């Protein structure tokens, strides 16, 4: 019988893995390494969230952008961890170099992406051309560098005091995960609202460079040759100088980029806490444009055509009490108030900053006819879905859904079967609901999905479209300044709970400049001929809208 061999004792660690020569006690050294792990993990997660947020803001469809960025980054982290095994002999120098590169790449990533968007404007399609690949390249590079941190930090912490691998991994990952928690909370609650995406990324890169450089040049400086110390010092000072210069110039950069996107006539640009609001024109005879998160929501060249088509067909019938969901610019309410017999208009708008602008900006308040001075208009700052859930009244004769396009991921819940069920509940008997369903010709499947969703919620819909849209800037889910890609029309669905509403105009309505009963009927017939059947409804748990 052959006796099994006893396991061989582990051999001595390699010569390059001997105890580090530290200027402090080992316990203090371990604490400093774990503190650096904490800081680097926080910075790494900020880079990830910043890429996701910026990609969602610039491109749209936040689910797709988050999936692309995070999946590429996690894959790259695995590759980076494997590649870092070759640097274990030079753990201190390797870690210092990686942190300097990571601070530069991560800190400047937001500015680079925004610059490419502003001066190329081509983000079309799922992958598009250069800009989208730049997003993937940043995700891949940052992931590789973050993944390379852990093996090198493990080597450094083991050189301070050897312990079993499980204990070392537990200590390292505990600091890493707590740092990720802090970074994940700091981004939305501190960096983004106080500093913005560009400055927030630059500050994060600065903290990253200081933490990595201080650890290596302070704690492990005796492991480095004289040349390596000088190279790392110069590299870190260079990175810090670049980040500091970018932080000083970030306001000028943002103004120049904003002018490249919106033109040179930007009058108002502010971050409200909900979205970026930009106003151009509106003075000296120039048409006013209102952009929300970079997407054109109001164009003075064609807004009358849109708002007349949205509001007036729904006002054909009782209309004493009107509910406007969205529409904080006051333009839908302006058209509502042109009808005699309106006693109350309730506007439910998520962004109080848009309402303040609609009240106070001379150009926008003049365009909306100063509707907020009318005592019949009441405003509630709330999410439309949440507001409908808590609404106790069921006496609205007309509900006007003036909301962002359904292809924008954050708005898909406002085009869901559940949302329309809530809206149906607050309709008065004989009441009508009109829905802006996005561009008709360019996103026909999205449009007919809205119609199918309304029917699933127990509403009878009449679809119609209106052409004549200005093609200077896209207003849908995609942010592009190319006129060839901008939608040329709008799609709407007029719905009611008891039966199909009659699509027409109130015979007692005021004179309309862009809409006639004959044109409205012709547009409805043209839309009906393109119906797509068999489409499933969109729900909260299964959104069906896609760009």
Protein backbone atom coordinates (compact mmCIF):
# COMPACT_ATOMS: atom_id res chain seq x y z
CA UNK A 1 0.00 0.00 0.00
CA UNK A 2 1.39 3.34 -0.99
CA UNK A 3 1.27 5.95 1.70
CA UNK A 4 0.04 9.35 0.49
CA UNK A 5 2.60 12.08 0.46
CA UNK A 6 2.25 14.83 3.02
CA UNK A 7 1.85 18.29 1.49
CA UNK A 8 5.13 20.02 1.00
CA UNK A 9 5.68 23.04 3.23
CA UNK A 10 5.45 26.35 1.40
CA UNK A 11 8.80 27.54 0.16
CA UNK A 12 10.34 30.78 1.24
CA UNK A 13 8.92 33.90 -0.35
CA UNK A 14 10.89 35.28 -3.27
CA UNK A 15 13.70 37.65 -2.45
CA UNK A 16 11.77 40.60 -3.89
CA UNK A 17 8.86 39.81 -1.53
CA UNK A 18 10.80 40.31 1.69
CA UNK A 19 9.70 42.68 4.45
CA UNK A 20 9.36 46.27 3.36
CA UNK A 21 11.62 48.86 4.91
CA UNK A 22 9.10 51.29 6.31
CA UNK A 23 9.60 54.67 7.98
CA UNK A 24 6.76 53.83 10.39
CA UNK A 25 5.68 50.89 12.53
CA UNK A 26 4.11 47.93 10.66
CA UNK A 27 0.69 48.51 12.22
CA UNK A 28 0.72 52.11 11.04
CA UNK A 29 1.92 50.99 7.62
CA UNK A 30 -0.97 48.53 7.28
CA UNK A 31 -3.44 51.22 8.27
CA UNK A 32 -2.04 53.59 5.63
CA UNK A 33 -2.25 50.94 2.91
CA UNK A 34 -5.86 50.14 3.81
CA UNK A 35 -6.67 53.86 3.90
CA UNK A 36 -5.24 54.16 0.39
CA UNK A 37 -7.35 51.18 -0.69
CA UNK A 38 -10.39 52.99 0.69
CA UNK A 39 -9.64 56.22 -1.19
CA UNK A 40 -8.76 54.49 -4.47
CA UNK A 41 -11.92 52.39 -4.35
CA UNK A 42 -14.03 55.50 -3.80
CA UNK A 43 -12.34 57.23 -6.74
CA UNK A 44 -12.73 54.18 -8.95
CA UNK A 45 -16.47 53.99 -8.36
CA UNK A 46 -16.84 57.71 -9.01
CA UNK A 47 -15.16 57.19 -12.40
CA UNK A 48 -17.63 54.40 -13.22
CA UNK A 49 -20.69 56.41 -12.17
CA UNK A 50 -19.44 59.49 -13.94
CA UNK A 51 -19.09 57.57 -17.23
CA UNK A 52 -22.57 56.07 -16.82
CA UNK A 53 -24.14 59.44 -15.98
CA UNK A 54 -22.39 61.34 -18.75
CA UNK A 55 -23.15 58.66 -21.34
CA UNK A 56 -26.81 58.61 -20.33
CA UNK A 57 -26.96 62.40 -20.47
CA UNK A 58 -25.20 62.74 -23.83
CA UNK A 59 -26.55 59.67 -25.58
CA UNK A 60 -29.80 58.75 -23.83
CA UNK A 61 -31.17 55.30 -22.89
CA UNK A 62 -29.53 55.03 -19.46
CA UNK A 63 -30.07 51.26 -19.20
CA UNK A 64 -28.02 50.59 -22.33
CA UNK A 65 -25.27 53.01 -21.36
CA UNK A 66 -24.99 51.62 -17.82
CA UNK A 67 -24.87 48.08 -19.16
CA UNK A 68 -22.16 48.91 -21.69
CA UNK A 69 -19.97 50.89 -19.29
CA UNK A 70 -20.23 48.52 -16.33
CA UNK A 71 -19.89 45.29 -18.29
CA UNK A 72 -16.84 46.53 -20.20
CA UNK A 73 -15.31 47.89 -17.02
CA UNK A 74 -15.81 44.70 -14.99
CA UNK A 75 -14.37 42.63 -17.84
CA UNK A 76 -11.37 44.95 -18.03
CA UNK A 77 -10.83 44.72 -14.27
CA UNK A 78 -10.34 40.97 -14.61
CA UNK A 79 -7.82 41.45 -17.40
CA UNK A 80 -6.05 44.13 -15.38
CA UNK A 81 -5.75 41.84 -12.36
CA UNK A 82 -4.13 39.14 -14.48
CA UNK A 83 -1.78 41.59 -16.15
CA UNK A 84 -0.68 43.03 -12.79
CA UNK A 85 0.84 39.67 -11.77
CA UNK A 86 3.85 40.59 -13.88
CA UNK A 87 4.38 43.75 -11.82
CA UNK A 88 4.58 42.06 -8.44
CA UNK A 89 8.38 42.36 -8.38
CA UNK A 90 7.96 46.12 -8.68
CA UNK A 91 4.75 46.42 -6.67
CA UNK A 92 5.44 49.87 -5.22
CA UNK A 93 6.65 51.47 -8.44
CA UNK A 94 3.93 49.73 -10.46
CA UNK A 95 1.17 50.86 -8.13
CA UNK A 96 2.44 54.44 -8.16
CA UNK A 97 2.55 54.51 -11.97
CA UNK A 98 -0.92 52.97 -12.28
CA UNK A 99 -2.47 55.49 -9.90
CA UNK A 100 -0.91 58.42 -11.76
CA UNK A 101 -2.28 57.14 -15.10
CA UNK A 102 -5.67 56.34 -13.57
CA UNK A 103 -5.95 59.80 -12.04
CA UNK A 104 -5.18 61.41 -15.39
CA UNK A 105 -7.46 59.19 -17.49
CA UNK A 106 -10.34 59.12 -15.01
CA UNK A 107 -10.11 62.80 -14.14
CA UNK A 108 -10.09 63.95 -17.75
CA UNK A 109 -12.57 61.40 -19.12
CA UNK A 110 -15.64 63.60 -18.62
CA UNK A 111 -14.09 66.59 -20.38
CA UNK A 112 -12.87 64.43 -23.25
CA UNK A 113 -16.27 62.81 -23.80
CA UNK A 114 -18.10 66.13 -23.58
CA UNK A 115 -15.62 67.75 -25.98
CA UNK A 116 -16.08 65.01 -28.57
CA UNK A 117 -19.84 65.26 -28.26
CA UNK A 118 -19.85 69.05 -28.49
CA UNK A 119 -17.55 69.36 -31.48
CA UNK A 120 -18.64 66.31 -33.47
CA UNK A 121 -22.29 65.87 -32.41
CA UNK A 122 -22.45 62.35 -33.89
CA UNK A 123 -23.79 59.85 -31.38
CA UNK A 124 -26.28 58.11 -33.62
CA UNK A 125 -27.02 54.39 -33.56
CA UNK A 126 -26.20 51.86 -30.86
CA UNK A 127 -22.47 52.17 -31.34
CA UNK A 128 -22.25 55.12 -33.69
CA UNK A 129 -18.81 56.21 -34.76
CA UNK A 130 -15.88 57.66 -32.83
CA UNK A 131 -17.62 59.12 -29.76
CA UNK A 132 -19.28 55.89 -28.64
CA UNK A 133 -16.11 53.96 -29.14
CA UNK A 134 -14.33 56.59 -27.04
CA UNK A 135 -16.77 55.79 -24.23
CA UNK A 136 -15.89 52.10 -24.53
CA UNK A 137 -12.18 52.95 -24.65
CA UNK A 138 -12.41 54.96 -21.42
CA UNK A 139 -14.39 52.19 -19.73
CA UNK A 140 -11.83 49.62 -20.83
CA UNK A 141 -8.80 51.67 -19.79
CA UNK A 142 -10.18 52.67 -16.39
CA UNK A 143 -11.28 49.08 -15.75
CA UNK A 144 -7.81 47.74 -16.60
CA UNK A 145 -6.16 50.19 -14.22
CA UNK A 146 -8.62 49.58 -11.38
CA UNK A 147 -8.23 45.82 -11.79
CA UNK A 148 -4.45 46.11 -11.58
CA UNK A 149 -4.64 47.85 -8.20
CA UNK A 150 -5.75 44.89 -6.09
CA UNK A 151 -2.87 42.42 -6.79
CA UNK A 152 -0.29 45.15 -6.22
CA UNK A 153 -1.92 46.35 -3.02
CA UNK A 154 -2.11 42.75 -1.83
CA UNK A 155 1.61 42.42 -2.42
CA UNK A 156 2.36 45.66 -0.58
CA UNK A 157 0.24 44.80 2.44
CA UNK A 158 1.81 41.34 2.67
CA UNK A 159 5.27 42.85 2.61
CA UNK A 160 4.44 44.87 5.70
CA UNK A 161 3.35 41.84 7.71
CA UNK A 162 2.79 38.39 6.24
CA UNK A 163 -0.52 36.80 7.11
CA UNK A 164 -2.69 34.06 5.68
CA UNK A 165 -4.09 34.87 2.25
CA UNK A 166 -7.71 34.74 3.45
CA UNK A 167 -7.12 37.31 6.16
CA UNK A 168 -5.26 39.64 3.83
CA UNK A 169 -7.99 39.39 1.19
CA UNK A 170 -10.67 40.07 3.81
CA UNK A 171 -8.89 43.20 5.07
CA UNK A 172 -8.24 44.50 1.58
CA UNK A 173 -11.73 43.87 0.26
CA UNK A 174 -13.37 45.32 3.37
CA UNK A 175 -11.55 48.61 2.81
CA UNK A 176 -12.29 48.41 -0.91
CA UNK A 177 -16.03 47.85 -0.49
CA UNK A 178 -16.44 50.54 2.16
CA UNK A 179 -14.58 52.97 -0.10
CA UNK A 180 -16.86 52.03 -2.97
CA UNK A 181 -19.86 52.76 -0.76
CA UNK A 182 -18.54 56.22 0.09
CA UNK A 183 -17.72 56.97 -3.55
CA UNK A 184 -21.11 55.74 -4.70
CA UNK A 185 -22.91 58.01 -2.24
CA UNK A 186 -20.60 60.98 -2.74
CA UNK A 187 -21.19 61.10 -6.50
CA UNK A 188 -24.96 61.80 -6.59
CA UNK A 189 -25.24 63.65 -3.27
CA UNK A 190 -22.04 65.71 -3.18
CA UNK A 191 -19.95 65.82 -6.34
CA UNK A 192 -22.69 66.04 -8.96
CA UNK A 193 -24.91 68.71 -7.34
CA UNK A 194 -22.09 70.84 -5.93
CA UNK A 195 -19.34 70.52 -8.53
CA UNK A 196 -20.95 69.11 -11.66
CA UNK A 197 -19.70 66.24 -13.78
CA UNK A 198 -16.59 67.90 -15.21
CA UNK A 199 -15.17 69.49 -12.04
CA UNK A 200 -16.25 66.47 -9.97
CA UNK A 201 -14.20 64.13 -12.17
CA UNK A 202 -11.17 66.44 -12.02
CA UNK A 203 -11.33 66.66 -8.22
CA UNK A 204 -11.65 62.88 -7.99
CA UNK A 205 -8.57 62.45 -10.17
CA UNK A 206 -6.65 64.87 -7.96
CA UNK A 207 -7.55 62.93 -4.81
CA UNK A 208 -6.60 59.69 -6.57
CA UNK A 209 -3.19 61.01 -7.59
CA UNK A 210 -2.42 62.41 -4.14
CA UNK A 211 -3.42 59.17 -2.38
CA UNK A 212 -1.41 56.90 -4.68
CA UNK A 213 1.64 59.15 -4.86
CA UNK A 214 1.72 59.78 -1.11
CA UNK A 215 1.53 56.07 -0.28
CA UNK A 216 4.32 55.03 -2.61
CA UNK A 217 6.66 58.00 -2.24
CA UNK A 218 6.05 58.30 1.49
CA UNK A 219 5.63 54.76 2.82
CA UNK A 220 7.51 52.63 0.26
CA UNK A 221 10.12 55.11 -0.92
CA UNK A 222 12.95 52.85 0.26
CA UNK A 223 11.76 50.16 -2.16
CA UNK A 224 12.34 52.52 -5.07
CA UNK A 225 15.54 53.44 -6.78
CA UNK A 226 16.50 57.09 -6.83
CA UNK A 227 15.54 57.29 -10.50
CA UNK A 228 12.16 55.65 -9.87
CA UNK A 229 11.40 58.10 -7.06
CA UNK A 230 12.13 61.08 -9.28
CA UNK A 231 10.15 59.66 -12.20
CA UNK A 232 7.12 59.01 -10.01
CA UNK A 233 7.38 62.44 -8.41
CA UNK A 234 7.58 64.16 -11.80
CA UNK A 235 4.73 62.04 -13.16
CA UNK A 236 2.45 62.87 -10.22
CA UNK A 237 3.28 66.57 -10.31
CA UNK A 238 2.57 66.59 -14.05
CA UNK A 239 -0.78 64.87 -13.55
CA UNK A 240 -1.73 67.25 -10.76
CA UNK A 241 -0.73 70.23 -12.89
CA UNK A 242 -2.86 69.02 -15.80
CA UNK A 243 -5.86 68.40 -13.55
CA UNK A 244 -5.45 71.75 -11.82
CA UNK A 245 -5.16 73.61 -15.14
CA UNK A 246 -8.26 71.83 -16.43
CA UNK A 247 -10.16 72.75 -13.26
CA UNK A 248 -9.21 76.42 -13.71
CA UNK A 249 -10.32 76.38 -17.35
CA UNK A 250 -13.40 74.18 -16.93
CA UNK A 251 -15.87 77.08 -16.93
CA UNK A 252 -14.44 78.51 -20.15
CA UNK A 253 -14.38 75.01 -21.65
CA UNK A 254 -18.01 74.40 -20.70
CA UNK A 255 -19.10 77.72 -22.19
CA UNK A 256 -17.27 76.99 -25.44
CA UNK A 257 -18.67 73.45 -25.60
CA UNK A 258 -22.17 74.70 -24.85
CA UNK A 259 -21.89 77.23 -27.68
CA UNK A 260 -20.68 74.47 -29.99
CA UNK A 261 -23.78 72.43 -29.12
CA UNK A 262 -26.44 75.13 -28.90
CA UNK A 263 -24.95 77.97 -30.92
CA UNK A 264 -23.65 81.30 -29.76
CA UNK A 265 -26.99 82.66 -28.55
CA UNK A 266 -27.11 80.94 -25.12
CA UNK A 267 -28.87 83.24 -22.65
CA UNK A 268 -29.53 80.93 -19.71
CA UNK A 269 -27.69 77.77 -18.70
CA UNK A 270 -28.29 76.28 -15.29
CA UNK A 271 -28.37 72.95 -13.49
CA UNK A 272 -31.62 72.76 -11.57
CA UNK A 273 -30.84 69.61 -9.60
CA UNK A 274 -33.15 67.65 -11.89
CA UNK A 275 -31.66 68.47 -15.29
CA UNK A 276 -29.64 70.99 -17.26
CA UNK A 277 -31.81 73.81 -18.60
CA UNK A 278 -30.58 75.94 -21.49
CA UNK A 279 -32.40 78.83 -23.16
CA UNK A 280 -31.25 80.35 -26.43
CA UNK A 281 -32.76 83.25 -28.36
CA UNK A 282 -36.03 84.81 -27.33
CA UNK A 283 -34.79 88.39 -27.64
CA UNK A 284 -34.33 90.87 -30.51
CA UNK A 285 -36.63 88.88 -32.75
CA UNK A 286 -34.69 85.63 -32.51
CA UNK A 287 -36.79 82.48 -31.91
CA UNK A 288 -36.55 81.00 -28.44
CA UNK A 289 -35.29 77.44 -27.92
CA UNK A 290 -35.57 75.55 -24.63
CA UNK A 291 -33.27 72.56 -24.11
CA UNK A 292 -33.65 70.11 -21.23
CA UNK A 293 -30.65 67.84 -20.73
CA UNK A 294 -29.50 68.74 -24.21
CA UNK A 295 -32.71 67.75 -25.95
CA UNK A 296 -34.84 70.36 -27.66
CA UNK A 297 -38.17 70.61 -25.84
CA UNK A 298 -39.41 73.94 -27.19
CA UNK A 299 -38.53 75.60 -30.47
CA UNK A 300 -39.95 79.02 -31.16
CA UNK A 301 -40.00 78.12 -34.85
CA UNK A 302 -42.52 75.30 -34.48
CA UNK A 303 -43.85 75.19 -30.90
CA UNK A 304 -47.20 76.65 -31.91
CA UNK A 305 -47.81 73.79 -34.33
CA UNK A 306 -46.93 71.25 -31.64
CA UNK A 307 -48.98 72.78 -28.83
CA UNK A 308 -52.03 73.47 -30.97
CA UNK A 309 -52.01 69.83 -32.12
CA UNK A 310 -51.47 68.57 -28.57
CA UNK A 311 -54.11 70.64 -26.80
CA UNK A 312 -57.01 71.61 -29.04
CA UNK A 313 -58.28 68.19 -30.18
CA UNK A 314 -58.53 67.18 -26.51
CA UNK A 315 -60.51 70.33 -25.69
CA UNK A 316 -63.35 69.30 -28.02
CA UNK A 317 -65.89 68.60 -25.30
CA UNK A 318 -66.25 69.50 -21.60
CA UNK A 319 -63.07 71.19 -20.43
CA UNK A 320 -63.74 73.04 -17.18
CA UNK A 321 -60.98 71.23 -15.27
CA UNK A 322 -57.74 70.45 -17.09
CA UNK A 323 -54.70 68.53 -15.83
CA UNK A 324 -51.34 69.08 -17.57
CA UNK A 325 -48.68 66.45 -16.81
CA UNK A 326 -45.32 68.02 -17.53
CA UNK A 327 -45.57 71.25 -19.48
CA UNK A 328 -43.75 73.36 -16.91
CA UNK A 329 -42.86 75.80 -19.69
CA UNK A 330 -46.50 76.95 -19.57
CA UNK A 331 -47.08 76.63 -23.33
CA UNK A 332 -49.68 73.86 -23.16
CA UNK A 333 -51.51 75.84 -20.45
CA UNK A 334 -51.43 78.88 -22.73
CA UNK A 335 -53.41 76.98 -25.36
CA UNK A 336 -55.81 75.58 -22.75
CA UNK A 337 -56.62 79.05 -21.42
CA UNK A 338 -57.61 80.24 -24.90
CA UNK A 339 -60.80 78.19 -24.56
CA UNK A 340 -63.83 79.75 -22.86
CA UNK A 341 -65.21 77.84 -19.92
CA UNK A 342 -61.89 76.72 -18.41
CA UNK A 343 -62.14 77.11 -14.63
CA UNK A 344 -58.96 75.44 -13.44
CA UNK A 345 -55.65 74.23 -14.90
CA UNK A 346 -53.48 71.99 -12.72
CA UNK A 347 -49.86 71.63 -13.87
CA UNK A 348 -47.81 68.78 -12.40
CA UNK A 349 -44.16 69.45 -13.22
CA UNK A 350 -41.17 67.57 -11.82
CA UNK A 351 -38.64 70.41 -12.17
CA UNK A 352 -39.44 73.54 -10.19
CA UNK A 353 -36.53 75.26 -11.97
CA UNK A 354 -38.36 75.09 -15.30
CA UNK A 355 -41.45 76.67 -13.72
CA UNK A 356 -39.37 79.45 -12.18
CA UNK A 357 -37.80 80.11 -15.57
CA UNK A 358 -41.20 80.12 -17.27
CA UNK A 359 -42.39 82.71 -14.72
CA UNK A 360 -39.35 85.00 -14.73
CA UNK A 361 -37.51 84.77 -18.05
CA UNK A 362 -38.73 87.58 -20.33
CA UNK A 363 -38.55 85.54 -23.52
CA UNK A 364 -40.19 82.38 -22.18
CA UNK A 365 -42.86 84.18 -20.13
CA UNK A 366 -43.75 86.28 -23.16
CA UNK A 367 -44.03 83.12 -25.27
CA UNK A 368 -46.33 81.41 -22.77
CA UNK A 369 -48.51 84.48 -22.42
CA UNK A 370 -47.64 84.94 -18.72
CA UNK A 371 -49.93 82.03 -17.86
CA UNK A 372 -48.57 81.75 -14.33
CA UNK A 373 -50.12 85.11 -13.52
CA UNK A 374 -53.57 83.64 -14.23
CA UNK A 375 -55.32 82.68 -10.96
CA UNK A 376 -56.86 79.63 -12.63
CA UNK A 377 -53.41 78.03 -13.00
CA UNK A 378 -52.02 75.99 -10.11
CA UNK A 379 -48.66 74.27 -10.09
CA UNK A 380 -47.55 71.19 -8.17
CA UNK A 381 -43.91 70.18 -8.15
CA UNK A 382 -44.01 66.40 -8.24
CA UNK A 383 -43.30 63.32 -10.29
CA UNK A 384 -46.39 62.76 -12.46
CA UNK A 385 -46.55 59.03 -11.70
CA UNK A 386 -46.32 59.51 -7.96
CA UNK A 387 -48.82 62.37 -8.05
CA UNK A 388 -51.39 60.27 -9.90
CA UNK A 389 -51.00 57.46 -7.39
CA UNK A 390 -51.96 59.75 -4.54
CA UNK A 391 -54.63 61.78 -6.39
CA UNK A 392 -58.05 61.43 -4.80
CA UNK A 393 -60.16 63.38 -7.29
CA UNK A 394 -61.67 61.95 -10.48
CA UNK A 395 -63.09 65.09 -12.05
CA UNK A 396 -60.60 66.15 -14.75
CA UNK A 397 -62.33 66.71 -18.04
CA UNK A 398 -59.04 66.80 -19.95
CA UNK A 399 -55.61 65.35 -19.17
CA UNK A 400 -52.72 66.54 -21.34
CA UNK A 401 -49.58 64.40 -21.16
CA UNK A 402 -46.83 66.78 -22.31
CA UNK A 403 -43.86 64.61 -21.34
CA UNK A 404 -40.43 63.70 -22.77
CA UNK A 405 -40.29 61.13 -25.54
CA UNK A 406 -40.92 57.51 -24.48
CA UNK A 407 -37.59 56.39 -25.94
CA UNK A 408 -35.76 58.19 -23.10
CA UNK A 409 -35.36 55.52 -20.43
CA UNK A 410 -36.18 57.71 -17.44
CA UNK A 411 -39.56 58.56 -18.96
CA UNK A 412 -40.69 55.03 -19.89
CA UNK A 413 -42.69 54.68 -16.67
CA UNK A 414 -44.74 57.69 -17.81
CA UNK A 415 -45.74 55.71 -20.91
CA UNK A 416 -46.56 52.47 -19.11
CA UNK A 417 -49.84 50.61 -18.74
CA UNK A 418 -49.79 51.35 -15.01
CA UNK A 419 -49.40 55.09 -15.64
CA UNK A 420 -52.30 55.21 -18.06
CA UNK A 421 -54.40 53.19 -15.62
CA UNK A 422 -53.77 55.84 -12.99
CA UNK A 423 -54.64 58.61 -15.46
CA UNK A 424 -57.87 56.80 -16.40
CA UNK A 425 -58.84 56.74 -12.74
CA UNK A 426 -58.81 60.56 -12.43
CA UNK A 427 -60.72 61.22 -15.67
CA UNK A 428 -64.23 62.54 -15.28
CA UNK A 429 -67.03 60.75 -17.16
CA UNK A 430 -66.64 61.72 -20.80
CA UNK A 431 -63.12 63.01 -20.16
CA UNK A 432 -60.26 62.78 -22.65
CA UNK A 433 -56.55 62.05 -22.34
CA UNK A 434 -54.10 63.19 -25.00
CA UNK A 435 -50.59 61.79 -25.10
CA UNK A 436 -47.54 63.10 -26.88
CA UNK A 437 -46.17 59.81 -28.23
CA UNK A 438 -42.91 60.98 -29.77
CA UNK A 439 -41.92 61.31 -33.45
CA UNK A 440 -44.23 59.36 -35.75
CA UNK A 441 -42.29 58.62 -38.94
CA UNK A 442 -38.88 58.04 -37.35
CA UNK A 443 -40.01 55.87 -34.41
CA UNK A 444 -43.18 54.24 -35.65
CA UNK A 445 -42.87 51.14 -33.46
CA UNK A 446 -42.54 53.33 -30.36
CA UNK A 447 -45.61 55.32 -31.41
CA UNK A 448 -47.80 52.25 -31.91
CA UNK A 449 -46.53 50.76 -28.66
CA UNK A 450 -47.94 53.84 -26.90
CA UNK A 451 -51.27 53.18 -28.62
CA UNK A 452 -51.22 49.49 -27.62
CA UNK A 453 -50.37 50.45 -24.03
CA UNK A 454 -53.30 52.85 -23.82
CA UNK A 455 -55.65 50.12 -25.07
CA UNK A 456 -54.25 47.68 -22.51
CA UNK A 457 -55.09 50.23 -19.79
CA UNK A 458 -58.73 50.25 -20.88
CA UNK A 459 -58.63 53.39 -22.98
CA UNK A 460 -59.88 53.80 -26.53
CA UNK A 461 -57.40 55.74 -28.60
CA UNK A 462 -57.42 57.71 -31.83
CA UNK A 463 -53.88 58.24 -33.19
CA UNK A 464 -52.90 61.23 -35.28
CA UNK A 465 -49.76 62.97 -36.44
CA UNK A 466 -48.76 66.52 -37.32
CA UNK A 467 -45.94 67.45 -39.64
CA UNK A 468 -44.00 70.64 -40.12
CA UNK A 469 -41.50 70.13 -37.34
CA UNK A 470 -38.32 72.22 -37.53
CA UNK A 471 -35.38 69.93 -38.31
CA UNK A 472 -32.57 71.90 -36.78
CA UNK A 473 -32.00 69.88 -33.60
CA UNK A 474 -33.17 66.47 -32.45
CA UNK A 475 -35.70 66.48 -29.62
CA UNK A 476 -36.02 62.75 -29.02
CA UNK A 477 -33.90 60.23 -27.16
CA UNK A 478 -30.81 60.78 -29.31
CA UNK A 479 -28.79 63.95 -28.90
CA UNK A 480 -27.63 65.04 -32.31
CA UNK A 481 -27.37 68.39 -34.02
CA UNK A 482 -27.55 66.90 -37.51
CA UNK A 483 -30.66 68.11 -39.29
CA UNK A 484 -30.83 64.95 -41.40
CA UNK A 485 -31.41 62.88 -38.25
CA UNK A 486 -33.87 65.20 -36.55
CA UNK A 487 -37.54 64.12 -36.54
CA UNK A 488 -39.88 65.91 -38.95
CA UNK A 489 -43.21 65.35 -37.19
CA UNK A 490 -44.99 64.62 -33.90
CA UNK A 491 -47.28 61.76 -33.01
CA UNK A 492 -50.25 61.97 -30.63
CA UNK A 493 -52.97 59.70 -29.31
CA UNK A 494 -56.32 61.05 -28.11
CA UNK A 495 -58.01 58.56 -25.76
CA UNK A 496 -61.12 58.17 -23.63
CA UNK A 497 -62.40 55.58 -21.18
CA UNK A 498 -65.95 54.88 -22.39
CA UNK A 499 -65.55 54.85 -26.18
CA UNK A 500 -63.37 56.17 -28.96
CA UNK A 501 -63.35 59.96 -28.76
CA UNK A 502 -64.30 62.02 -31.75
CA UNK A 503 -61.20 63.61 -33.22
CA UNK A 504 -62.03 67.18 -34.09
CA UNK A 505 -61.90 70.76 -32.93
CA UNK A 506 -64.30 72.59 -30.66
CA UNK A 507 -66.57 74.74 -32.88
CA UNK A 508 -66.35 77.48 -30.24
CA UNK A 509 -62.56 77.26 -30.02
CA UNK A 510 -60.42 80.31 -30.77
CA UNK A 511 -58.92 80.73 -34.22
CA UNK A 512 -55.96 78.38 -34.74
CA UNK A 513 -53.04 79.34 -36.92
CA UNK A 514 -51.64 75.90 -37.77
CA UNK A 515 -54.47 73.37 -37.38
CA UNK A 516 -57.74 72.86 -39.26
CA UNK A 517 -60.37 70.14 -38.94
CA UNK A 518 -59.68 68.91 -42.48
CA UNK A 519 -55.92 68.68 -41.93
CA UNK A 520 -56.44 66.95 -38.60
CA UNK A 521 -58.72 64.33 -40.16
CA UNK A 522 -56.30 63.76 -43.03
CA UNK A 523 -53.38 63.33 -40.63
CA UNK A 524 -55.39 60.83 -38.58
CA UNK A 525 -56.22 58.78 -41.69
CA UNK A 526 -52.54 58.83 -42.75
CA UNK A 527 -51.47 57.62 -39.32
CA UNK A 528 -54.10 54.85 -39.23
CA UNK A 529 -52.82 53.40 -42.52
CA UNK A 530 -49.44 52.67 -40.92
CA UNK A 531 -50.78 50.82 -37.87
CA UNK A 532 -48.55 48.07 -36.48
CA UNK A 533 -50.63 45.29 -34.93
CA UNK A 534 -49.76 42.69 -32.34
CA UNK A 535 -47.48 44.93 -30.30
CA UNK A 536 -47.42 44.13 -26.57
CA UNK A 537 -48.06 46.94 -24.06
CA UNK A 538 -45.24 48.55 -22.12
CA UNK A 539 -45.31 48.00 -18.36
CA UNK A 540 -43.16 49.04 -15.43
CA UNK A 541 -41.45 45.66 -15.24
CA UNK A 542 -41.23 45.16 -19.00
CA UNK A 543 -40.70 48.47 -20.83
CA UNK A 544 -41.10 48.02 -24.56
CA UNK A 545 -39.76 51.30 -25.89
CA UNK A 546 -36.44 51.35 -27.69
CA UNK A 547 -34.61 53.99 -29.68
